[in-house]
């Protein structure tokens, strides 16, 4: 693994044999941290908001999956 820091970003390079699911989980966490970095909301508040959004999505799309 190689980690480089430039003026505006951090670049992380990993070998191609590394499990992509694991990499995606790390990217999701980093995206979450980036999105909430300047927020005054607590992580618990954001997690609750995500749950509410997912409930709404499921209510709208349930018919597509359950017959």
C-alpha atoms as a PDB file:
ATOM      1  CA  UNK A   1       0.000   0.000   0.000  1.00  0.00           C
ATOM      2  CA  UNK A   2       1.191   3.497  -0.858  1.00  0.00           C
ATOM      3  CA  UNK A   3      -0.127   6.658   0.773  1.00  0.00           C
ATOM      4  CA  UNK A   4       0.746  10.024  -0.767  1.00  0.00           C
ATOM      5  CA  UNK A   5      -0.206  13.459   0.501  1.00  0.00           C
ATOM      6  CA  UNK A   6      -0.396  16.353  -1.945  1.00  0.00           C
ATOM      7  CA  UNK A   7      -1.511  19.930  -1.319  1.00  0.00           C
ATOM      8  CA  UNK A   8      -5.178  19.140  -1.800  1.00  0.00           C
ATOM      9  CA  UNK A   9      -5.630  15.415  -1.263  1.00  0.00           C
ATOM     10  CA  UNK A  10      -4.383  12.117   0.100  1.00  0.00           C
ATOM     11  CA  UNK A  11      -3.867   9.358  -2.469  1.00  0.00           C
ATOM     12  CA  UNK A  12      -4.051   5.736  -1.337  1.00  0.00           C
ATOM     13  CA  UNK A  13      -2.908   2.995  -3.696  1.00  0.00           C
ATOM     14  CA  UNK A  14      -3.558  -0.659  -2.926  1.00  0.00           C
ATOM     15  CA  UNK A  15      -2.619  -3.768  -4.907  1.00  0.00           C
ATOM     16  CA  UNK A  16      -5.265  -5.046  -7.327  1.00  0.00           C
ATOM     17  CA  UNK A  17      -5.600  -8.359  -5.456  1.00  0.00           C
ATOM     18  CA  UNK A  18      -7.109  -6.635  -2.396  1.00  0.00           C
ATOM     19  CA  UNK A  19     -10.794  -7.486  -1.868  1.00  0.00           C
ATOM     20  CA  UNK A  20     -12.910  -4.766  -3.481  1.00  0.00           C
ATOM     21  CA  UNK A  21     -15.750  -5.178  -0.973  1.00  0.00           C
ATOM     22  CA  UNK A  22     -13.408  -4.264   1.844  1.00  0.00           C
ATOM     23  CA  UNK A  23     -12.092  -1.295  -0.104  1.00  0.00           C
ATOM     24  CA  UNK A  24     -15.661  -0.125  -0.779  1.00  0.00           C
ATOM     25  CA  UNK A  25     -16.472  -0.255   2.932  1.00  0.00           C
ATOM     26  CA  UNK A  26     -13.441   1.896   3.679  1.00  0.00           C
ATOM     27  CA  UNK A  27     -14.404   4.351   0.913  1.00  0.00           C
ATOM     28  CA  UNK A  28     -17.953   4.535   2.279  1.00  0.00           C
ATOM     29  CA  UNK A  29     -16.600   5.353   5.726  1.00  0.00           C
ATOM     30  CA  UNK A  30     -14.281   8.029   4.324  1.00  0.00           C
ATOM     31  CA  UNK A  31     -17.130   9.547   2.289  1.00  0.00           C
ATOM     32  CA  UNK A  32     -19.268   9.614   5.435  1.00  0.00           C
ATOM     33  CA  UNK A  33     -16.469  11.294   7.403  1.00  0.00           C
ATOM     34  CA  UNK A  34     -15.921  13.841   4.639  1.00  0.00           C
ATOM     35  CA  UNK A  35     -19.634  14.644   4.404  1.00  0.00           C
ATOM     36  CA  UNK A  36     -19.959  15.129   8.144  1.00  0.00           C
ATOM     37  CA  UNK A  37     -16.595  16.754   8.889  1.00  0.00           C
ATOM     38  CA  UNK A  38     -17.939  20.301   9.120  1.00  0.00           C
ATOM     39  CA  UNK A  39     -21.300  19.359  10.580  1.00  0.00           C
ATOM     40  CA  UNK A  40     -22.392  20.123  14.109  1.00  0.00           C
ATOM     41  CA  UNK A  41     -24.712  17.118  14.041  1.00  0.00           C
ATOM     42  CA  UNK A  42     -23.777  14.131  16.132  1.00  0.00           C
ATOM     43  CA  UNK A  43     -23.082  10.807  14.428  1.00  0.00           C
ATOM     44  CA  UNK A  44     -26.112   9.312  16.162  1.00  0.00           C
ATOM     45  CA  UNK A  45     -28.362  12.026  14.679  1.00  0.00           C
ATOM     46  CA  UNK A  46     -27.068  11.322  11.182  1.00  0.00           C
ATOM     47  CA  UNK A  47     -27.466   7.567  11.632  1.00  0.00           C
ATOM     48  CA  UNK A  48     -31.095   8.134  12.653  1.00  0.00           C
ATOM     49  CA  UNK A  49     -31.659  10.288   9.574  1.00  0.00           C
ATOM     50  CA  UNK A  50     -30.238   7.544   7.353  1.00  0.00           C
ATOM     51  CA  UNK A  51     -32.605   5.009   8.939  1.00  0.00           C
ATOM     52  CA  UNK A  52     -35.574   7.280   8.222  1.00  0.00           C
ATOM     53  CA  UNK A  53     -34.499   7.749   4.611  1.00  0.00           C
ATOM     54  CA  UNK A  54     -34.107   3.993   4.146  1.00  0.00           C
ATOM     55  CA  UNK A  55     -37.585   3.411   5.612  1.00  0.00           C
ATOM     56  CA  UNK A  56     -39.037   5.828   3.080  1.00  0.00           C
ATOM     57  CA  UNK A  57     -37.191   4.148   0.232  1.00  0.00           C
ATOM     58  CA  UNK A  58     -38.429   0.726   1.315  1.00  0.00           C
ATOM     59  CA  UNK A  59     -42.018   1.956   1.566  1.00  0.00           C
ATOM     60  CA  UNK A  60     -41.828   3.291  -2.003  1.00  0.00           C
ATOM     61  CA  UNK A  61     -40.028   0.274  -3.482  1.00  0.00           C
ATOM     62  CA  UNK A  62     -41.316  -2.674  -1.458  1.00  0.00           C
ATOM     63  CA  UNK A  63     -43.725  -3.720  -4.215  1.00  0.00           C
ATOM     64  CA  UNK A  64     -40.806  -4.188  -6.595  1.00  0.00           C
ATOM     65  CA  UNK A  65     -39.272  -6.850  -4.347  1.00  0.00           C
ATOM     66  CA  UNK A  66     -42.141  -8.455  -2.423  1.00  0.00           C
ATOM     67  CA  UNK A  67     -45.177  -9.828  -4.240  1.00  0.00           C
END
